[in-house]
Amino acid sequence: MGKSVKDLKVVIIGGGSGLSNLLRGLKKQTEHITAIVTMADDGASSGRLREDFNILPPGDIRSCILALSDEEQMYHKIFTYRFPHGRGLKGHNLGNLLAVALADITGSFKKAIQEMSRILNIKGQVLPSTYDDVILSAKLANGRVVWGESSIATAGHRSPIRDMKLHPESANANPEAVTAIEKADIIIIGPGSLYTSIVPNFLLKSITCAVASSRAKKFFICNVSTERGETEDYSVEDHINALVKYSDPQIFDTILVNNKIILKSDGKRLGEVKNITTDKAKIGRFEVVSADLIDPKNPLYHDKDKVLKEILNNI
């Protein structure tokens, strides 16, 4: 399976379910993990708590902490429980509410993350990419500007995304995240929603500069499929060009690409969202590693073990 990573410092950058899924596999290989998580989420439970309590969005942080924990069955049920009804409670995730409570008890969101990590005895650490209160905006092809991560995909389905910004533009990266990047032996970017989970991290200049100047082995895990409202009709090359546009050509060296295309029983693709691949061995300066990376039960998503096998084979 290639080299062992147990003594290497691994940094993984992203957000959403793609990041937490990969962490579940990575924790079996090493305890030297730092997950750097976007703080642009403003939807569902996280968005409501953010507005009501003036707190950073806890959802992605909570998911990553849980992914790095022992994930005993009852802990998993508690931290993922979503209230089905109740005035003020309906739709809220219990883990998110616990994060809000810990922030109030400890006096800061940073300490809340540390305490939740201690309670769940996680392997590694989970860090917000910024502690500033940030919001995403997207300019669409039709000229409209959409504010908020939760609105971007819906609007992007009607008119393609042409430009992304993080506000305030003066937002500062989390210094601990920058330090972790500087000390990393391996840096993994993605997988995840390109414009709302990955790009926001690199709109923080210090994050981009630290990754670009790092001598670590750097991977970009391209999504195995397009995504409605964000990357409809995108090729692998389009994903690369978009990420580089908002960061730097030096932020990764190797791109992992799925090479298995799943068709429905009628011979057609999976719908408007479809698997993507490339037959190129290099795209620009980037080495392409192709393999079957999809989850056979959910072919629009990665299989974490397949992804990690390819990373281990290429370090």
Protein backbone atom coordinates (compact mmCIF):
# COMPACT_ATOMS: atom_id res chain seq x y z
CA MET A 1 0.00 0.00 0.00
CA GLY A 2 2.99 2.34 -0.21
CA LYS A 3 4.50 4.31 2.64
CA SER A 4 3.06 4.53 6.11
CA VAL A 5 1.70 7.90 7.22
CA LYS A 6 1.54 7.11 10.94
CA ASP A 7 4.45 9.46 11.77
CA LEU A 8 3.64 12.12 9.16
CA LYS A 9 1.71 15.30 9.82
CA VAL A 10 -1.36 15.42 7.58
CA VAL A 11 -3.46 18.54 6.93
CA ILE A 12 -6.78 18.25 5.12
CA ILE A 13 -8.62 21.37 3.95
CA GLY A 14 -12.28 21.67 3.02
CA GLY A 15 -15.72 21.43 4.55
CA GLY A 16 -19.01 19.58 4.35
CA SER A 17 -19.58 15.84 4.21
CA GLY A 18 -16.63 15.21 1.88
CA LEU A 19 -14.14 16.32 4.53
CA SER A 20 -15.68 14.40 7.44
CA ASN A 21 -16.01 11.24 5.32
CA LEU A 22 -12.31 11.23 4.46
CA LEU A 23 -11.35 11.90 8.09
CA ARG A 24 -13.09 8.68 9.12
CA GLY A 25 -10.64 6.74 7.01
CA LEU A 26 -7.60 8.89 7.71
CA LYS A 27 -7.79 8.45 11.49
CA LYS A 28 -7.07 4.73 10.97
CA GLN A 29 -3.70 5.65 9.46
CA THR A 30 -2.40 8.40 11.76
CA GLU A 31 -3.20 10.54 14.77
CA HIS A 32 -1.25 13.50 13.39
CA ILE A 33 -4.25 15.02 11.61
CA THR A 34 -5.33 18.63 11.30
CA ALA A 35 -8.67 19.31 9.63
CA ILE A 36 -9.03 22.92 8.48
CA VAL A 37 -12.69 23.76 8.02
CA THR A 38 -14.47 26.56 6.17
CA MET A 39 -16.54 28.94 8.30
CA ALA A 40 -18.85 30.22 5.54
CA ASP A 41 -21.83 27.93 6.31
CA ASP A 42 -25.03 29.88 6.90
CA GLY A 43 -27.74 27.32 6.22
CA ALA A 44 -29.99 24.97 8.19
CA SER A 45 -29.24 24.60 11.92
CA SER A 46 -25.82 26.28 11.69
CA GLY A 47 -27.26 29.34 9.99
CA ARG A 48 -30.04 29.78 12.55
CA LEU A 49 -27.65 29.40 15.47
CA ARG A 50 -25.22 31.80 13.84
CA GLU A 51 -27.95 34.43 13.61
CA ASP A 52 -29.56 33.81 17.00
CA PHE A 53 -26.39 33.52 19.09
CA ASN A 54 -23.82 35.48 17.08
CA ILE A 55 -21.61 32.41 16.92
CA LEU A 56 -19.52 30.89 14.14
CA PRO A 57 -21.29 28.05 12.28
CA PRO A 58 -20.76 24.84 14.27
CA GLY A 59 -22.04 22.25 11.77
CA ASP A 60 -18.91 21.35 9.79
CA ILE A 61 -16.72 21.61 12.89
CA ARG A 62 -19.02 19.26 14.78
CA SER A 63 -19.06 16.77 11.88
CA CYS A 64 -15.26 16.70 11.70
CA ILE A 65 -14.83 16.30 15.47
CA LEU A 66 -17.28 13.40 15.40
CA ALA A 67 -15.46 11.85 12.42
CA LEU A 68 -12.15 11.92 14.33
CA SER A 69 -13.66 10.52 17.52
CA ASP A 70 -14.01 6.87 18.50
CA GLU A 71 -17.56 7.27 17.19
CA GLU A 72 -19.13 4.96 19.71
CA GLN A 73 -22.66 4.27 18.55
CA MET A 74 -24.39 6.29 21.25
CA TYR A 75 -22.08 9.31 20.83
CA HIS A 76 -22.79 9.25 17.11
CA LYS A 77 -26.54 9.14 17.71
CA ILE A 78 -26.36 12.00 20.23
CA PHE A 79 -24.21 14.33 18.16
CA THR A 80 -26.16 13.77 14.93
CA TYR A 81 -29.66 13.82 16.46
CA ARG A 82 -31.90 16.35 14.73
CA PHE A 83 -35.08 17.50 16.47
CA PRO A 84 -38.09 16.53 14.30
CA HIS A 85 -40.45 19.04 15.95
CA GLY A 86 -40.76 21.55 18.75
CA ARG A 87 -41.00 25.34 18.66
CA GLY A 88 -37.51 26.73 18.23
CA LEU A 89 -35.98 23.23 18.18
CA LYS A 90 -37.30 21.71 14.94
CA GLY A 91 -34.45 21.15 12.48
CA HIS A 92 -31.69 21.83 14.98
CA ASN A 93 -28.87 19.33 15.39
CA LEU A 94 -28.13 18.40 19.01
CA GLY A 95 -24.38 18.46 18.41
CA ASN A 96 -24.66 22.03 17.15
CA LEU A 97 -26.62 23.04 20.25
CA LEU A 98 -23.96 21.46 22.45
CA ALA A 99 -21.31 23.50 20.64
CA VAL A 100 -23.28 26.69 21.35
CA ALA A 101 -23.65 25.71 25.01
CA LEU A 102 -19.92 24.96 25.32
CA ALA A 103 -19.06 28.32 23.75
CA ASP A 104 -21.21 30.05 26.36
CA ILE A 105 -19.79 27.98 29.23
CA THR A 106 -16.12 28.31 28.21
CA GLY A 107 -16.37 31.87 26.94
CA SER A 108 -15.29 31.30 23.33
CA PHE A 109 -15.94 29.24 20.23
CA LYS A 110 -12.27 28.24 20.20
CA LYS A 111 -12.48 26.78 23.71
CA ALA A 112 -15.78 25.09 22.81
CA ILE A 113 -14.04 23.24 19.96
CA GLN A 114 -11.21 22.21 22.28
CA GLU A 115 -13.62 20.97 24.95
CA MET A 116 -15.78 19.02 22.48
CA SER A 117 -12.62 17.47 21.05
CA ARG A 118 -11.53 16.46 24.56
CA ILE A 119 -14.92 14.98 25.42
CA LEU A 120 -14.92 12.84 22.28
CA ASN A 121 -11.20 12.00 22.62
CA ILE A 122 -10.48 12.73 18.98
CA LYS A 123 -7.40 11.78 16.99
CA GLY A 124 -5.80 14.99 15.73
CA GLN A 125 -7.35 18.44 15.80
CA VAL A 126 -10.08 20.40 14.04
CA LEU A 127 -9.47 24.08 13.29
CA PRO A 128 -11.66 26.75 11.71
CA SER A 129 -9.93 28.40 8.75
CA THR A 130 -10.86 31.73 10.37
CA TYR A 131 -12.40 32.99 13.60
CA ASP A 132 -13.77 36.06 11.80
CA ASP A 133 -17.49 36.32 11.04
CA VAL A 134 -17.45 35.80 7.26
CA ILE A 135 -20.02 35.45 4.50
CA LEU A 136 -19.69 34.29 0.91
CA SER A 137 -21.00 36.07 -2.17
CA ALA A 138 -21.22 34.80 -5.72
CA LYS A 139 -21.57 36.79 -8.92
CA LEU A 140 -23.52 34.89 -11.54
CA ALA A 141 -23.33 34.93 -15.33
CA ASN A 142 -26.52 37.00 -15.46
CA GLY A 143 -24.87 39.71 -13.34
CA ARG A 144 -26.80 38.94 -10.17
CA VAL A 145 -24.86 38.87 -6.88
CA VAL A 146 -26.03 36.24 -4.37
CA TRP A 147 -25.14 36.44 -0.69
CA GLY A 148 -24.76 33.46 1.64
CA GLU A 149 -23.46 29.94 1.14
CA SER A 150 -26.94 28.42 1.49
CA SER A 151 -28.32 30.47 -1.43
CA ILE A 152 -25.46 30.07 -3.90
CA ALA A 153 -26.15 26.57 -5.24
CA THR A 154 -29.85 27.31 -5.80
CA ALA A 155 -29.07 30.51 -7.69
CA GLY A 156 -26.15 28.88 -9.49
CA HIS A 157 -28.49 26.30 -11.00
CA ARG A 158 -30.34 29.10 -12.77
CA SER A 159 -27.23 31.00 -13.86
CA PRO A 160 -23.61 29.75 -13.63
CA ILE A 161 -21.20 31.09 -10.99
CA ARG A 162 -18.63 33.48 -12.41
CA ASP A 163 -16.92 34.96 -9.33
CA MET A 164 -16.65 34.26 -5.59
CA LYS A 165 -15.76 36.58 -2.74
CA LEU A 166 -15.39 36.27 1.01
CA HIS A 167 -16.57 39.21 3.14
CA PRO A 168 -15.02 41.05 4.76
CA GLU A 169 -12.16 40.74 2.30
CA SER A 170 -9.84 41.70 5.18
CA ALA A 171 -10.79 38.55 7.12
CA ASN A 172 -7.81 36.91 8.80
CA ALA A 173 -6.87 33.26 8.62
CA ASN A 174 -6.66 31.32 11.87
CA PRO A 175 -2.93 31.48 12.82
CA GLU A 176 -3.09 27.92 14.19
CA ALA A 177 -4.32 26.68 10.81
CA VAL A 178 -1.46 28.48 9.03
CA THR A 179 1.08 26.97 11.45
CA ALA A 180 -0.33 23.47 10.91
CA ILE A 181 0.01 23.91 7.13
CA GLU A 182 3.61 25.10 7.52
CA LYS A 183 4.48 21.98 9.55
CA ALA A 184 2.61 19.50 7.33
CA ASP A 185 4.21 16.59 5.50
CA ILE A 186 1.07 15.89 3.47
CA ILE A 187 -1.65 18.37 2.47
CA ILE A 188 -4.98 17.14 1.08
CA ILE A 189 -7.48 19.53 -0.49
CA GLY A 190 -11.05 18.30 -0.77
CA PRO A 191 -13.18 16.53 -1.65
CA GLY A 192 -16.23 18.73 -1.26
CA SER A 193 -18.40 21.39 -2.84
CA LEU A 194 -15.95 23.37 -4.94
CA TYR A 195 -17.28 26.88 -4.44
CA THR A 196 -18.82 26.65 -0.97
CA SER A 197 -16.60 24.16 0.90
CA ILE A 198 -13.13 24.34 -0.69
CA VAL A 199 -12.66 27.76 -2.32
CA PRO A 200 -13.67 29.79 0.82
CA ASN A 201 -10.59 28.51 2.66
CA PHE A 202 -8.31 29.83 -0.08
CA LEU A 203 -9.97 33.23 -0.19
CA LEU A 204 -8.00 33.74 3.02
CA LYS A 205 -4.63 34.88 1.67
CA SER A 206 -2.54 33.45 4.49
CA ILE A 207 -3.99 29.97 3.89
CA THR A 208 -3.17 30.15 0.18
CA CYS A 209 0.33 31.47 0.78
CA ALA A 210 1.11 28.81 3.38
CA VAL A 211 -0.05 25.96 1.15
CA ALA A 212 1.64 27.35 -1.98
CA SER A 213 5.00 27.70 -0.24
CA SER A 214 4.82 24.34 1.56
CA ARG A 215 7.23 21.56 0.60
CA ALA A 216 4.68 18.94 1.64
CA LYS A 217 3.27 16.38 -0.78
CA LYS A 218 0.10 18.12 -1.93
CA PHE A 219 -3.04 16.45 -3.31
CA PHE A 220 -6.26 17.84 -4.75
CA ILE A 221 -9.06 15.27 -4.67
CA CYS A 222 -11.31 16.18 -7.56
CA ASN A 223 -14.99 15.45 -7.01
CA VAL A 224 -16.15 12.24 -8.65
CA SER A 225 -19.20 14.02 -10.04
CA THR A 226 -20.50 17.43 -10.95
CA GLU A 227 -22.70 19.23 -8.43
CA ARG A 228 -26.06 20.85 -9.05
CA GLY A 229 -25.84 24.62 -8.90
CA GLU A 230 -22.05 24.74 -8.45
CA THR A 231 -20.25 22.70 -11.09
CA GLU A 232 -22.89 21.56 -13.57
CA ASP A 233 -21.24 20.53 -16.87
CA TYR A 234 -17.74 21.02 -15.36
CA SER A 235 -14.86 18.87 -16.53
CA VAL A 236 -11.92 17.83 -14.36
CA GLU A 237 -9.97 20.68 -16.01
CA ASP A 238 -12.73 23.14 -15.07
CA HIS A 239 -12.45 22.10 -11.42
CA ILE A 240 -8.68 22.66 -11.49
CA ASN A 241 -8.95 26.02 -13.24
CA ALA A 242 -11.55 27.26 -10.77
CA LEU A 243 -9.52 26.27 -7.72
CA VAL A 244 -6.33 27.80 -9.12
CA LYS A 245 -8.22 30.99 -10.00
CA TYR A 246 -9.00 31.61 -6.33
CA SER A 247 -5.69 30.41 -4.92
CA ASP A 248 -2.32 29.70 -6.53
CA PRO A 249 -0.98 27.14 -9.06
CA GLN A 250 1.40 25.85 -6.38
CA ILE A 251 -1.26 24.76 -3.87
CA PHE A 252 -1.17 21.18 -5.11
CA ASP A 253 1.04 18.90 -7.20
CA THR A 254 -1.08 15.81 -7.73
CA ILE A 255 -4.76 15.48 -8.57
CA LEU A 256 -6.72 12.33 -7.77
CA VAL A 257 -9.36 11.62 -10.42
CA ASN A 258 -12.04 8.96 -10.52
CA ASN A 259 -11.93 6.87 -13.69
CA LYS A 260 -15.13 4.86 -13.26
CA ILE A 261 -18.30 6.18 -14.89
CA ILE A 262 -21.56 4.76 -13.61
CA LEU A 263 -24.57 4.48 -15.92
CA LYS A 264 -28.19 3.85 -15.02
CA SER A 265 -29.95 0.69 -16.20
CA ASP A 266 -31.21 2.55 -19.28
CA GLY A 267 -27.62 3.31 -20.31
CA LYS A 268 -27.81 7.00 -19.43
CA ARG A 269 -25.75 8.97 -16.94
CA LEU A 270 -27.05 9.51 -13.41
CA GLY A 271 -28.94 12.65 -14.45
CA GLU A 272 -27.98 16.32 -14.58
CA VAL A 273 -25.33 15.44 -11.98
CA LYS A 274 -22.87 12.92 -13.42
CA ASN A 275 -19.53 11.22 -12.87
CA ILE A 276 -16.52 12.92 -14.50
CA THR A 277 -13.04 11.74 -15.44
CA THR A 278 -10.09 12.49 -17.69
CA ASP A 279 -7.69 10.33 -19.70
CA LYS A 280 -4.80 12.79 -19.33
CA ALA A 281 -1.68 11.85 -17.35
CA LYS A 282 -0.90 15.51 -16.72
CA ILE A 283 -2.99 18.66 -16.75
CA GLY A 284 -0.71 21.67 -16.89
CA ARG A 285 1.89 21.20 -14.13
CA PHE A 286 -0.29 18.74 -12.24
CA GLU A 287 0.25 15.00 -12.20
CA VAL A 288 -3.01 13.05 -12.61
CA VAL A 289 -3.57 9.84 -10.65
CA SER A 290 -6.61 7.98 -11.97
CA ALA A 291 -8.42 5.17 -10.18
CA ASP A 292 -11.85 3.86 -9.30
CA LEU A 293 -12.67 6.20 -6.39
CA ILE A 294 -16.45 5.99 -6.17
CA ASP A 295 -18.60 4.54 -3.44
CA PRO A 296 -20.47 1.67 -5.15
CA LYS A 297 -23.53 2.32 -2.98
CA ASN A 298 -23.50 6.05 -3.73
CA PRO A 299 -21.61 6.63 -7.00
CA LEU A 300 -21.83 10.42 -6.82
CA TYR A 301 -19.50 10.34 -3.79
CA HIS A 302 -16.04 9.05 -2.92
CA ASP A 303 -15.21 5.82 -1.19
CA LYS A 304 -12.87 6.99 1.59
CA ASP A 305 -10.82 3.80 1.65
CA LYS A 306 -10.20 3.88 -2.10
CA VAL A 307 -9.09 7.52 -1.90
CA LEU A 308 -6.71 6.90 0.98
CA LYS A 309 -5.22 3.87 -0.76
CA GLU A 310 -4.28 6.06 -3.73
CA ILE A 311 -2.83 8.77 -1.48
CA LEU A 312 -0.72 6.20 0.37
CA ASN A 313 0.47 4.76 -2.94
CA ASN A 314 1.61 8.18 -4.12
CA ILE A 315 3.46 9.70 -1.17
